């Protein structure tokens, strides 16, 4: 699993996945 610096990065990645 990849650990991000902040949970905000996870939120951004989740949004990016939804956009894609």
C-alpha atoms as a PDB file:
ATOM      1  CA  UNK A   1       0.000   0.000   0.000  1.00  0.00           C
ATOM      2  CA  UNK A   2       1.208   3.497  -0.710  1.00  0.00           C
ATOM      3  CA  UNK A   3       1.188   5.856   2.265  1.00  0.00           C
ATOM      4  CA  UNK A   4       0.531   9.499   1.357  1.00  0.00           C
ATOM      5  CA  UNK A   5       1.781  12.501   3.297  1.00  0.00           C
ATOM      6  CA  UNK A   6      -1.757  13.607   4.120  1.00  0.00           C
ATOM      7  CA  UNK A   7      -5.252  12.211   3.824  1.00  0.00           C
ATOM      8  CA  UNK A   8      -6.011  15.186   1.551  1.00  0.00           C
ATOM      9  CA  UNK A   9      -3.792  13.547  -1.093  1.00  0.00           C
ATOM     10  CA  UNK A  10      -6.012  10.459  -0.862  1.00  0.00           C
ATOM     11  CA  UNK A  11      -9.091  12.653  -1.371  1.00  0.00           C
ATOM     12  CA  UNK A  12      -7.466  14.278  -4.416  1.00  0.00           C
ATOM     13  CA  UNK A  13      -6.556  10.862  -5.837  1.00  0.00           C
ATOM     14  CA  UNK A  14     -10.117   9.650  -5.226  1.00  0.00           C
ATOM     15  CA  UNK A  15     -11.512  12.688  -7.059  1.00  0.00           C
ATOM     16  CA  UNK A  16      -9.070  12.148  -9.912  1.00  0.00           C
ATOM     17  CA  UNK A  17     -10.235   8.539 -10.180  1.00  0.00           C
ATOM     18  CA  UNK A  18     -13.859   9.689 -10.342  1.00  0.00           C
ATOM     19  CA  UNK A  19     -13.022  12.241 -13.053  1.00  0.00           C
ATOM     20  CA  UNK A  20     -11.207   9.562 -15.039  1.00  0.00           C
END
